[in-house]
C-alpha atoms as a PDB file:
ATOM      1  CA  MET A   1       3.361  15.748  26.451  1.00  0.00           C
ATOM      2  CA  SER A   2       0.394  17.688  25.100  1.00  0.00           C
ATOM      3  CA  SER A   3      -2.823  16.025  24.016  1.00  0.00           C
ATOM      4  CA  ILE A   4      -2.699  18.044  20.771  1.00  0.00           C
ATOM      5  CA  LEU A   5       0.594  16.408  19.794  1.00  0.00           C
ATOM      6  CA  ILE A   6      -0.812  12.959  20.592  1.00  0.00           C
ATOM      7  CA  ILE A   7      -3.914  13.544  18.451  1.00  0.00           C
ATOM      8  CA  GLU A   8      -1.816  14.912  15.579  1.00  0.00           C
ATOM      9  CA  GLN A   9       0.431  11.848  15.625  1.00  0.00           C
ATOM     10  CA  ILE A  10      -2.561   9.503  15.765  1.00  0.00           C
ATOM     11  CA  LEU A  11      -3.942  11.225  12.663  1.00  0.00           C
ATOM     12  CA  ASN A  12      -0.529  10.919  10.994  1.00  0.00           C
ATOM     13  CA  GLY A  13      -0.537   7.226  11.825  1.00  0.00           C
ATOM     14  CA  LEU A  14      -4.026   6.806  10.391  1.00  0.00           C
ATOM     15  CA  GLN A  15      -3.004   8.613   7.198  1.00  0.00           C
ATOM     16  CA  PHE A  16       0.072   6.411   6.838  1.00  0.00           C
ATOM     17  CA  GLY A  17      -2.023   3.339   7.581  1.00  0.00           C
ATOM     18  CA  VAL A  18      -4.704   3.964   4.966  1.00  0.00           C
ATOM     19  CA  MET A  19      -2.045   4.572   2.320  1.00  0.00           C
ATOM     20  CA  LEU A  20      -0.425   1.265   3.281  1.00  0.00           C
ATOM     21  CA  PHE A  21      -3.846  -0.331   2.944  1.00  0.00           C
ATOM     22  CA  LEU A  22      -4.097   0.774  -0.693  1.00  0.00           C
ATOM     23  CA  MET A  23      -0.822  -1.039  -1.331  1.00  0.00           C
ATOM     24  CA  ALA A  24      -1.570  -4.079   0.802  1.00  0.00           C
ATOM     25  CA  ALA A  25      -5.138  -4.618  -0.464  1.00  0.00           C
ATOM     26  CA  GLY A  26      -4.013  -5.322  -4.003  1.00  0.00           C
ATOM     27  CA  LEU A  27      -1.059  -7.371  -2.818  1.00  0.00           C
ATOM     28  CA  THR A  28      -3.175  -9.578  -0.560  1.00  0.00           C
ATOM     29  CA  LEU A  29      -5.769 -10.115  -3.318  1.00  0.00           C
ATOM     30  CA  ILE A  30      -3.063 -11.179  -5.766  1.00  0.00           C
ATOM     31  CA  PHE A  31      -1.354 -13.464  -3.275  1.00  0.00           C
ATOM     32  CA  GLY A  32      -4.566 -14.847  -1.808  1.00  0.00           C
ATOM     33  CA  VAL A  33      -6.354 -15.578  -5.093  1.00  0.00           C
ATOM     34  CA  MET A  34      -3.432 -16.343  -7.417  1.00  0.00           C
ATOM     35  CA  GLY A  35      -0.929 -17.703  -4.918  1.00  0.00           C
ATOM     36  CA  LEU A  36       1.649 -15.367  -6.465  1.00  0.00           C
ATOM     37  CA  ILE A  37       4.472 -13.568  -4.667  1.00  0.00           C
ATOM     38  CA  ASN A  38       4.643 -10.259  -6.544  1.00  0.00           C
ATOM     39  CA  LEU A  39       7.712  -8.222  -5.656  1.00  0.00           C
ATOM     40  CA  ALA A  40       6.951  -5.850  -8.538  1.00  0.00           C
ATOM     41  CA  HIS A  41       3.921  -4.396  -6.740  1.00  0.00           C
ATOM     42  CA  GLY A  42       6.042  -1.522  -5.437  1.00  0.00           C
ATOM     43  CA  SER A  43       7.012  -0.661  -9.007  1.00  0.00           C
ATOM     44  CA  LEU A  44       3.330  -0.141  -9.845  1.00  0.00           C
ATOM     45  CA  TYR A  45       3.162   2.270  -6.897  1.00  0.00           C
ATOM     46  CA  MET A  46       6.060   4.135  -8.512  1.00  0.00           C
ATOM     47  CA  VAL A  47       4.374   4.082 -11.943  1.00  0.00           C
ATOM     48  CA  GLY A  48       1.280   5.743 -10.473  1.00  0.00           C
ATOM     49  CA  ALA A  49       3.344   8.433  -8.783  1.00  0.00           C
ATOM     50  CA  PHE A  50       5.318   9.277 -11.925  1.00  0.00           C
ATOM     51  CA  ALA A  51       2.214   9.250 -14.123  1.00  0.00           C
ATOM     52  CA  ALA A  52       0.426  11.616 -11.739  1.00  0.00           C
ATOM     53  CA  ALA A  53       3.422  13.959 -11.475  1.00  0.00           C
ATOM     54  CA  ALA A  54       3.931  14.050 -15.248  1.00  0.00           C
ATOM     55  CA  VAL A  55       0.280  14.648 -16.169  1.00  0.00           C
ATOM     56  CA  ALA A  56      -0.328  17.138 -13.355  1.00  0.00           C
ATOM     57  CA  GLY A  57       2.808  19.001 -14.415  1.00  0.00           C
ATOM     58  CA  LEU A  58       1.631  19.215 -18.025  1.00  0.00           C
ATOM     59  CA  THR A  59      -2.024  20.056 -17.364  1.00  0.00           C
ATOM     60  CA  GLY A  60      -1.907  21.771 -13.981  1.00  0.00           C
ATOM     61  CA  SER A  61      -4.728  19.488 -12.813  1.00  0.00           C
ATOM     62  CA  PHE A  62      -4.181  17.255  -9.790  1.00  0.00           C
ATOM     63  CA  LEU A  63      -7.385  15.345 -10.567  1.00  0.00           C
ATOM     64  CA  LEU A  64      -6.190  14.495 -14.065  1.00  0.00           C
ATOM     65  CA  GLY A  65      -2.948  13.349 -12.479  1.00  0.00           C
ATOM     66  CA  LEU A  66      -4.854  10.932 -10.228  1.00  0.00           C
ATOM     67  CA  ILE A  67      -6.835   9.598 -13.176  1.00  0.00           C
ATOM     68  CA  ALA A  68      -3.610   9.129 -15.130  1.00  0.00           C
ATOM     69  CA  ALA A  69      -2.090   7.270 -12.174  1.00  0.00           C
ATOM     70  CA  LEU A  70      -5.016   4.844 -12.023  1.00  0.00           C
ATOM     71  CA  ILE A  71      -4.995   4.218 -15.769  1.00  0.00           C
ATOM     72  CA  ALA A  72      -1.213   3.902 -16.095  1.00  0.00           C
ATOM     73  CA  ALA A  73      -0.840   1.532 -13.137  1.00  0.00           C
ATOM     74  CA  ALA A  74      -3.836  -0.608 -14.145  1.00  0.00           C
ATOM     75  CA  PHE A  75      -2.607  -0.805 -17.750  1.00  0.00           C
ATOM     76  CA  ALA A  76       0.929  -1.685 -16.637  1.00  0.00           C
ATOM     77  CA  GLY A  77      -0.471  -4.320 -14.267  1.00  0.00           C
ATOM     78  CA  ALA A  78      -2.634  -5.897 -16.986  1.00  0.00           C
ATOM     79  CA  ILE A  79       0.284  -6.029 -19.430  1.00  0.00           C
ATOM     80  CA  ILE A  80       2.565  -7.556 -16.788  1.00  0.00           C
ATOM     81  CA  GLU A  81      -0.029 -10.192 -15.930  1.00  0.00           C
ATOM     82  CA  MET A  82      -0.637 -11.206 -19.539  1.00  0.00           C
ATOM     83  CA  VAL A  83       3.008 -11.172 -20.651  1.00  0.00           C
ATOM     84  CA  VAL A  84       4.920 -12.370 -17.573  1.00  0.00           C
ATOM     85  CA  ILE A  85       2.840 -13.294 -14.537  1.00  0.00           C
ATOM     86  CA  ARG A  86       0.505 -15.689 -16.387  1.00  0.00           C
ATOM     87  CA  ARG A  87       3.466 -17.998 -16.939  1.00  0.00           C
ATOM     88  CA  LEU A  88       4.327 -18.098 -13.231  1.00  0.00           C
ATOM     89  CA  TYR A  89       1.133 -19.342 -11.568  1.00  0.00           C
ATOM     90  CA  LYS A  90       2.259 -22.962 -11.499  1.00  0.00           C
ATOM     91  CA  ALA A  91       5.918 -22.101 -10.918  1.00  0.00           C
ATOM     92  CA  ALA A  92       7.716 -22.452  -7.599  1.00  0.00           C
ATOM     93  CA  HIS A  93       7.697 -19.437  -5.311  1.00  0.00           C
ATOM     94  CA  LEU A  94      11.432 -18.971  -5.880  1.00  0.00           C
ATOM     95  CA  ASP A  95      10.810 -18.605  -9.623  1.00  0.00           C
ATOM     96  CA  GLN A  96       8.065 -16.052  -8.901  1.00  0.00           C
ATOM     97  CA  VAL A  97      10.390 -14.071  -6.657  1.00  0.00           C
ATOM     98  CA  LEU A  98      13.193 -14.032  -9.237  1.00  0.00           C
ATOM     99  CA  ALA A  99      10.893 -13.078 -12.120  1.00  0.00           C
ATOM    100  CA  THR A 100       9.133 -10.272 -10.268  1.00  0.00           C
ATOM    101  CA  PHE A 101      12.458  -9.010  -8.904  1.00  0.00           C
ATOM    102  CA  ALA A 102      13.608  -8.753 -12.516  1.00  0.00           C
ATOM    103  CA  LEU A 103      10.508  -6.650 -13.183  1.00  0.00           C
ATOM    104  CA  ILE A 104      11.603  -4.260 -10.414  1.00  0.00           C
ATOM    105  CA  LEU A 105      14.897  -3.703 -12.225  1.00  0.00           C
ATOM    106  CA  ILE A 106      13.165  -3.246 -15.572  1.00  0.00           C
ATOM    107  CA  PHE A 107      10.681  -0.714 -14.191  1.00  0.00           C
ATOM    108  CA  SER A 108      13.356   1.184 -12.276  1.00  0.00           C
ATOM    109  CA  GLU A 109      15.718   1.525 -15.216  1.00  0.00           C
ATOM    110  CA  GLY A 110      12.857   2.194 -17.633  1.00  0.00           C
ATOM    111  CA  THR A 111      11.537   4.976 -15.406  1.00  0.00           C
ATOM    112  CA  ARG A 112      15.023   6.448 -15.046  1.00  0.00           C
ATOM    113  CA  TRP A 113      15.409   6.358 -18.843  1.00  0.00           C
ATOM    114  CA  VAL A 114      12.086   8.179 -19.412  1.00  0.00           C
ATOM    115  CA  PHE A 115      12.118  10.689 -16.530  1.00  0.00           C
ATOM    116  CA  GLY A 116      15.773  10.889 -15.533  1.00  0.00           C
ATOM    117  CA  SER A 117      17.366  10.336 -12.141  1.00  0.00           C
ATOM    118  CA  PHE A 118      16.167  13.538 -10.517  1.00  0.00           C
ATOM    119  CA  PRO A 119      12.983  13.437  -8.400  1.00  0.00           C
ATOM    120  CA  LEU A 120       9.735  15.002  -9.559  1.00  0.00           C
ATOM    121  CA  PHE A 121       7.378  16.964  -7.334  1.00  0.00           C
ATOM    122  CA  LEU A 122       3.595  16.825  -7.285  1.00  0.00           C
ATOM    123  CA  ASP A 123       1.951  19.914  -5.830  1.00  0.00           C
ATOM    124  CA  ILE A 124      -0.980  19.678  -3.437  1.00  0.00           C
ATOM    125  CA  PRO A 125      -4.028  21.257  -5.129  1.00  0.00           C
ATOM    126  CA  ASP A 126      -4.956  24.701  -3.844  1.00  0.00           C
ATOM    127  CA  ALA A 127      -8.374  23.514  -2.665  1.00  0.00           C
ATOM    128  CA  LEU A 128      -6.713  21.014  -0.321  1.00  0.00           C
ATOM    129  CA  SER A 129      -3.723  23.055   0.815  1.00  0.00           C
ATOM    130  CA  GLY A 130      -3.358  24.597   4.223  1.00  0.00           C
ATOM    131  CA  PRO A 131      -4.610  23.456   7.625  1.00  0.00           C
ATOM    132  CA  VAL A 132      -8.113  22.889   8.905  1.00  0.00           C
ATOM    133  CA  THR A 133      -9.224  23.474  12.497  1.00  0.00           C
ATOM    134  CA  LEU A 134     -10.466  20.337  14.234  1.00  0.00           C
ATOM    135  CA  PRO A 135     -12.472  20.179  17.482  1.00  0.00           C
ATOM    136  CA  GLY A 136     -10.282  21.311  20.365  1.00  0.00           C
ATOM    137  CA  GLY A 137      -8.517  23.917  18.240  1.00  0.00           C
ATOM    138  CA  ILE A 138      -6.170  21.406  16.597  1.00  0.00           C
ATOM    139  CA  GLN A 139      -4.659  22.584  13.305  1.00  0.00           C
ATOM    140  CA  TYR A 140      -4.126  19.713  10.887  1.00  0.00           C
ATOM    141  CA  PRO A 141      -3.323  19.663   7.142  1.00  0.00           C
ATOM    142  CA  LEU A 142      -6.478  19.351   5.057  1.00  0.00           C
ATOM    143  CA  TYR A 143      -4.700  17.202   2.460  1.00  0.00           C
ATOM    144  CA  ARG A 144      -3.751  14.557   5.017  1.00  0.00           C
ATOM    145  CA  LEU A 145      -7.341  14.436   6.258  1.00  0.00           C
ATOM    146  CA  THR A 146      -8.415  13.983   2.645  1.00  0.00           C
ATOM    147  CA  LEU A 147      -6.024  11.047   2.302  1.00  0.00           C
ATOM    148  CA  ILE A 148      -7.624   9.405   5.338  1.00  0.00           C
ATOM    149  CA  ALA A 149     -11.096   9.934   3.859  1.00  0.00           C
ATOM    150  CA  ILE A 150     -10.054   8.541   0.463  1.00  0.00           C
ATOM    151  CA  GLY A 151      -8.521   5.478   2.084  1.00  0.00           C
ATOM    152  CA  LEU A 152     -11.668   4.803   4.094  1.00  0.00           C
ATOM    153  CA  LEU A 153     -13.859   5.220   1.002  1.00  0.00           C
ATOM    154  CA  VAL A 154     -11.676   2.823  -0.984  1.00  0.00           C
ATOM    155  CA  ALA A 155     -11.828   0.299   1.864  1.00  0.00           C
ATOM    156  CA  LEU A 156     -15.626   0.540   1.876  1.00  0.00           C
ATOM    157  CA  GLY A 157     -15.735   0.201  -1.899  1.00  0.00           C
ATOM    158  CA  LEU A 158     -13.506  -2.885  -1.865  1.00  0.00           C
ATOM    159  CA  TRP A 159     -15.631  -4.480   0.832  1.00  0.00           C
ATOM    160  CA  ALA A 160     -18.751  -3.870  -1.270  1.00  0.00           C
ATOM    161  CA  LEU A 161     -17.017  -5.251  -4.372  1.00  0.00           C
ATOM    162  CA  ILE A 162     -15.868  -8.436  -2.641  1.00  0.00           C
ATOM    163  CA  GLU A 163     -18.990  -9.087  -0.567  1.00  0.00           C
ATOM    164  CA  ARG A 164     -21.862  -7.704  -2.651  1.00  0.00           C
ATOM    165  CA  THR A 165     -21.076  -8.247  -6.340  1.00  0.00           C
ATOM    166  CA  ARG A 166     -20.873 -11.174  -8.735  1.00  0.00           C
ATOM    167  CA  ILE A 167     -17.220 -10.496  -9.492  1.00  0.00           C
ATOM    168  CA  GLY A 168     -16.592 -10.520  -5.745  1.00  0.00           C
ATOM    169  CA  ILE A 169     -18.168 -13.966  -5.504  1.00  0.00           C
ATOM    170  CA  GLN A 170     -15.848 -15.141  -8.265  1.00  0.00           C
ATOM    171  CA  ILE A 171     -12.827 -13.658  -6.497  1.00  0.00           C
ATOM    172  CA  ARG A 172     -13.710 -15.362  -3.223  1.00  0.00           C
ATOM    173  CA  ALA A 173     -14.411 -18.628  -5.005  1.00  0.00           C
ATOM    174  CA  GLY A 174     -11.136 -18.383  -6.905  1.00  0.00           C
ATOM    175  CA  GLU A 175      -9.312 -18.030  -3.620  1.00  0.00           C
ATOM    176  CA  ASN A 176     -10.807 -21.265  -2.332  1.00  0.00           C
ATOM    177  CA  ASP A 177     -11.006 -23.466  -5.454  1.00  0.00           C
ATOM    178  CA  ARG A 178      -9.838 -22.019  -8.768  1.00  0.00           C
ATOM    179  CA  GLU A 179     -10.275 -25.342 -10.608  1.00  0.00           C
ATOM    180  CA  MET A 180     -13.935 -25.571  -9.633  1.00  0.00           C
ATOM    181  CA  ILE A 181     -14.900 -22.072 -10.785  1.00  0.00           C
ATOM    182  CA  GLY A 182     -13.054 -22.755 -14.027  1.00  0.00           C
ATOM    183  CA  ALA A 183     -15.154 -25.889 -14.477  1.00  0.00           C
ATOM    184  CA  LEU A 184     -18.281 -23.788 -13.847  1.00  0.00           C
ATOM    185  CA  GLY A 185     -17.471 -21.568 -16.841  1.00  0.00           C
ATOM    186  CA  VAL A 186     -15.609 -18.641 -15.289  1.00  0.00           C
ATOM    187  CA  ASP A 187     -12.752 -17.413 -17.486  1.00  0.00           C
ATOM    188  CA  ILE A 188      -9.870 -17.732 -15.031  1.00  0.00           C
ATOM    189  CA  SER A 189      -7.436 -15.821 -17.245  1.00  0.00           C
ATOM    190  CA  LYS A 190      -9.712 -12.769 -17.488  1.00  0.00           C
ATOM    191  CA  LEU A 191     -10.469 -12.929 -13.761  1.00  0.00           C
ATOM    192  CA  TYR A 192      -6.773 -12.991 -12.881  1.00  0.00           C
ATOM    193  CA  THR A 193      -6.015 -10.113 -15.244  1.00  0.00           C
ATOM    194  CA  LEU A 194      -8.826  -8.088 -13.671  1.00  0.00           C
ATOM    195  CA  ILE A 195      -7.607  -8.784 -10.141  1.00  0.00           C
ATOM    196  CA  PHE A 196      -4.032  -7.900 -11.042  1.00  0.00           C
ATOM    197  CA  ALA A 197      -5.099  -4.685 -12.773  1.00  0.00           C
ATOM    198  CA  LEU A 198      -7.268  -3.738  -9.782  1.00  0.00           C
ATOM    199  CA  GLY A 199      -4.411  -4.322  -7.364  1.00  0.00           C
ATOM    200  CA  ALA A 200      -2.071  -2.334  -9.607  1.00  0.00           C
ATOM    201  CA  ALA A 201      -4.548   0.567  -9.814  1.00  0.00           C
ATOM    202  CA  LEU A 202      -4.786   0.723  -6.014  1.00  0.00           C
ATOM    203  CA  ALA A 203      -0.991   0.774  -5.744  1.00  0.00           C
ATOM    204  CA  GLY A 204      -0.801   3.510  -8.389  1.00  0.00           C
ATOM    205  CA  LEU A 205      -3.412   5.567  -6.561  1.00  0.00           C
ATOM    206  CA  ALA A 206      -1.426   5.285  -3.333  1.00  0.00           C
ATOM    207  CA  GLY A 207       1.733   6.380  -5.120  1.00  0.00           C
ATOM    208  CA  ALA A 208       0.015   9.398  -6.643  1.00  0.00           C
ATOM    209  CA  LEU A 209      -1.551  10.502  -3.367  1.00  0.00           C
ATOM    210  CA  VAL A 210       1.660  10.110  -1.373  1.00  0.00           C
ATOM    211  CA  GLY A 211       3.642  11.753  -4.157  1.00  0.00           C
ATOM    212  CA  ALA A 212       2.159  15.116  -3.173  1.00  0.00           C
ATOM    213  CA  ILE A 213       3.727  14.961   0.304  1.00  0.00           C
ATOM    214  CA  GLN A 214       6.964  13.193  -0.675  1.00  0.00           C
ATOM    215  CA  SER A 215       9.246  13.381  -3.672  1.00  0.00           C
ATOM    216  CA  VAL A 216       8.487  11.156  -6.653  1.00  0.00           C
ATOM    217  CA  GLN A 217      11.647   9.221  -7.435  1.00  0.00           C
ATOM    218  CA  VAL A 218      12.957   5.957  -8.825  1.00  0.00           C
ATOM    219  CA  GLY A 219      12.876   3.166  -6.243  1.00  0.00           C
ATOM    220  CA  MET A 220      10.242   4.817  -4.058  1.00  0.00           C
ATOM    221  CA  GLY A 221       8.081   1.684  -4.077  1.00  0.00           C
ATOM    222  CA  GLU A 222      10.485  -0.786  -2.502  1.00  0.00           C
ATOM    223  CA  PRO A 223      10.380   0.485   1.125  1.00  0.00           C
ATOM    224  CA  VAL A 224       6.576   0.633   0.960  1.00  0.00           C
ATOM    225  CA  LEU A 225       6.442  -2.889  -0.487  1.00  0.00           C
ATOM    226  CA  ILE A 226       8.256  -4.276   2.561  1.00  0.00           C
ATOM    227  CA  LEU A 227       5.729  -2.637   4.873  1.00  0.00           C
ATOM    228  CA  ALA A 228       2.855  -3.915   2.714  1.00  0.00           C
ATOM    229  CA  PHE A 229       4.114  -7.483   3.128  1.00  0.00           C
ATOM    230  CA  VAL A 230       4.252  -6.933   6.885  1.00  0.00           C
ATOM    231  CA  VAL A 231       0.657  -5.681   6.748  1.00  0.00           C
ATOM    232  CA  ILE A 232      -0.698  -8.739   4.928  1.00  0.00           C
ATOM    233  CA  VAL A 233       1.185 -11.109   7.208  1.00  0.00           C
ATOM    234  CA  ILE A 234      -0.312  -9.398  10.261  1.00  0.00           C
ATOM    235  CA  GLY A 235      -3.800  -9.171   8.776  1.00  0.00           C
ATOM    236  CA  GLY A 236      -3.877 -12.591   7.142  1.00  0.00           C
ATOM    237  CA  ILE A 237      -3.130 -13.430   3.523  1.00  0.00           C
ATOM    238  CA  GLY A 238      -6.120 -12.948   1.222  1.00  0.00           C
ATOM    239  CA  SER A 239      -8.185 -10.925   3.696  1.00  0.00           C
ATOM    240  CA  ILE A 240      -9.190  -7.373   2.760  1.00  0.00           C
ATOM    241  CA  ARG A 241     -10.432  -6.798   6.310  1.00  0.00           C
ATOM    242  CA  GLY A 242      -7.113  -8.101   7.612  1.00  0.00           C
ATOM    243  CA  ALA A 243      -5.204  -5.779   5.268  1.00  0.00           C
ATOM    244  CA  PHE A 244      -7.195  -2.817   6.560  1.00  0.00           C
ATOM    245  CA  VAL A 245      -6.735  -3.625  10.252  1.00  0.00           C
ATOM    246  CA  GLY A 246      -3.104  -4.606   9.747  1.00  0.00           C
ATOM    247  CA  ALA A 247      -2.347  -1.400   7.836  1.00  0.00           C
ATOM    248  CA  LEU A 248      -3.807   0.757  10.597  1.00  0.00           C
ATOM    249  CA  LEU A 249      -1.847  -1.151  13.240  1.00  0.00           C
ATOM    250  CA  VAL A 250       1.407  -0.788  11.304  1.00  0.00           C
ATOM    251  CA  GLY A 251       0.769   2.881  10.518  1.00  0.00           C
ATOM    252  CA  LEU A 252       0.010   3.776  14.119  1.00  0.00           C
ATOM    253  CA  THR A 253       2.844   1.658  15.544  1.00  0.00           C
ATOM    254  CA  ASP A 254       5.427   3.134  13.180  1.00  0.00           C
ATOM    255  CA  THR A 255       4.299   6.752  13.602  1.00  0.00           C
ATOM    256  CA  LEU A 256       3.676   6.775  17.341  1.00  0.00           C
ATOM    257  CA  GLY A 257       6.805   4.757  18.060  1.00  0.00           C
ATOM    258  CA  GLY A 258       8.987   7.124  16.061  1.00  0.00           C
ATOM    259  CA  VAL A 259       7.710  10.139  18.007  1.00  0.00           C
ATOM    260  CA  PHE A 260       7.129   8.890  21.528  1.00  0.00           C
ATOM    261  CA  LEU A 261       9.790   6.225  22.139  1.00  0.00           C
ATOM    262  CA  PRO A 262      12.663   8.767  22.054  1.00  0.00           C
ATOM    263  CA  GLU A 263      10.688  10.949  24.486  1.00  0.00           C
ATOM    264  CA  LEU A 264      10.164   7.948  26.767  1.00  0.00           C
ATOM    265  CA  PHE A 265      13.860   7.094  26.740  1.00  0.00           C
ATOM    266  CA  LYS A 266      14.754  10.682  27.673  1.00  0.00           C
ATOM    267  CA  LEU A 267      13.240  10.005  31.089  1.00  0.00           C
ATOM    268  CA  PHE A 268      16.233   7.848  32.027  1.00  0.00           C
ATOM    269  CA  MET A 269      18.851   8.484  29.310  1.00  0.00           C
ATOM    270  CA  GLU A 270      20.877  11.374  27.945  1.00  0.00           C
ATOM    271  CA  ALA A 271      19.036  13.170  25.128  1.00  0.00           C
ATOM    272  CA  GLY A 272      21.317  12.077  22.275  1.00  0.00           C
ATOM    273  CA  ALA A 273      21.392   8.446  23.338  1.00  0.00           C
ATOM    274  CA  ALA A 274      17.645   8.480  23.950  1.00  0.00           C
ATOM    275  CA  GLN A 275      16.978   9.774  20.445  1.00  0.00           C
ATOM    276  CA  LYS A 276      19.238   7.155  18.891  1.00  0.00           C
ATOM    277  CA  SER A 277      17.917   4.251  20.964  1.00  0.00           C
ATOM    278  CA  GLY A 278      14.291   5.292  20.648  1.00  0.00           C
ATOM    279  CA  SER A 279      14.520   5.680  16.872  1.00  0.00           C
ATOM    280  CA  ALA A 280      16.201   2.285  16.531  1.00  0.00           C
ATOM    281  CA  LEU A 281      13.525   0.590  18.619  1.00  0.00           C
ATOM    282  CA  ALA A 282      10.774   2.401  16.714  1.00  0.00           C
ATOM    283  CA  SER A 283      12.108   1.085  13.407  1.00  0.00           C
ATOM    284  CA  MET A 284      11.924  -2.444  14.806  1.00  0.00           C
ATOM    285  CA  SER A 285       8.508  -2.043  16.421  1.00  0.00           C
ATOM    286  CA  ILE A 286       6.394  -3.099  13.429  1.00  0.00           C
ATOM    287  CA  TYR A 287       8.412  -6.308  13.055  1.00  0.00           C
ATOM    288  CA  MET A 288       8.060  -6.978  16.764  1.00  0.00           C
ATOM    289  CA  LEU A 289       4.309  -6.452  16.332  1.00  0.00           C
ATOM    290  CA  MET A 290       4.294  -8.929  13.446  1.00  0.00           C
ATOM    291  CA  GLY A 291       6.173 -11.479  15.539  1.00  0.00           C
ATOM    292  CA  LEU A 292       3.735 -11.148  18.438  1.00  0.00           C
ATOM    293  CA  VAL A 293       0.725 -11.550  16.141  1.00  0.00           C
ATOM    294  CA  LEU A 294       2.203 -14.651  14.507  1.00  0.00           C
ATOM    295  CA  ILE A 295       2.978 -16.207  17.897  1.00  0.00           C
ATOM    296  CA  TRP A 296      -0.644 -15.671  18.920  1.00  0.00           C
ATOM    297  CA  ARG A 297      -2.216 -16.460  15.546  1.00  0.00           C
ATOM    298  CA  PRO A 298       0.132 -17.956  12.917  1.00  0.00           C
ATOM    299  CA  THR A 299      -2.277 -17.308  10.041  1.00  0.00           C
ATOM    300  CA  GLY A 300      -2.616 -13.596  10.864  1.00  0.00           C
ATOM    301  CA  LEU A 301      -5.495 -11.771  12.508  1.00  0.00           C
ATOM    302  CA  PHE A 302      -8.092 -12.670   9.884  1.00  0.00           C
ATOM    303  CA  GLY A 303      -6.365 -15.431   7.937  1.00  0.00           C
ATOM    304  CA  ALA A 304      -8.153 -18.726   7.478  1.00  0.00           C
ATOM    305  CA  ARG A 305      -6.944 -21.495   9.726  1.00  0.00           C
ATOM    306  CA  THR A 306      -5.850 -24.647   7.917  1.00  0.00           C
END
């Protein structure tokens, strides 16, 4: 198997991983700070994708589409937090699951009512279309490289926000002792709304960016949500660093497994059976990875031990 193919698939895995990080970062902040299981996070990913596709289609500007995705997802997240989520913080996890699952249905049917059942398509901007030549003569899509760069920049920005700003101190304190920071004068309600809107904006950004390489359709957020939960379990709930490392591990495991496991099985199996068996094992590989991590470290790679 050629080294070019291996490098291309590693880059594909990195691109998939950083997009998962944008989803998982907001989800782990919400769960770590608020203690809330938010199944509707995938719907905010979908909102960002549809907002970007609609605005880019009307204006012809991909950048305006991205801005619209951030605003629409953040606004939707803030409204959800103030109207619904705020009433669930002290509720049992089962109540949180049922309420946020209801939000999935509302968002899905609402989106279908506004945009219809047919998928939308978001075009890659001309400046980012086509391949770029990497060292070694490797041709790789410029847009996918841009996605990797954006994901890394967002990860750096989140780290700076959490570790180097006053609001980051409040977020970290809220994760450890929300009653104490409330007693010290921090407005917990505003802090929670801000965190939820930030997480929603990151999900919307991921949806918009991925929407240019996939179709934008109702229900597109649910499969990604499952992977995002796997990421935060592997990385450790509440840890941005864990979400980043976990997302890269999941992205690389899923991508490399899907390509190379069928090829490995062809060494001792008939081609059709090898493809079927390898694909099946590849689809299970991220859950096997999660199981191995939890056996070794039950709180995740960077989760706090209790």
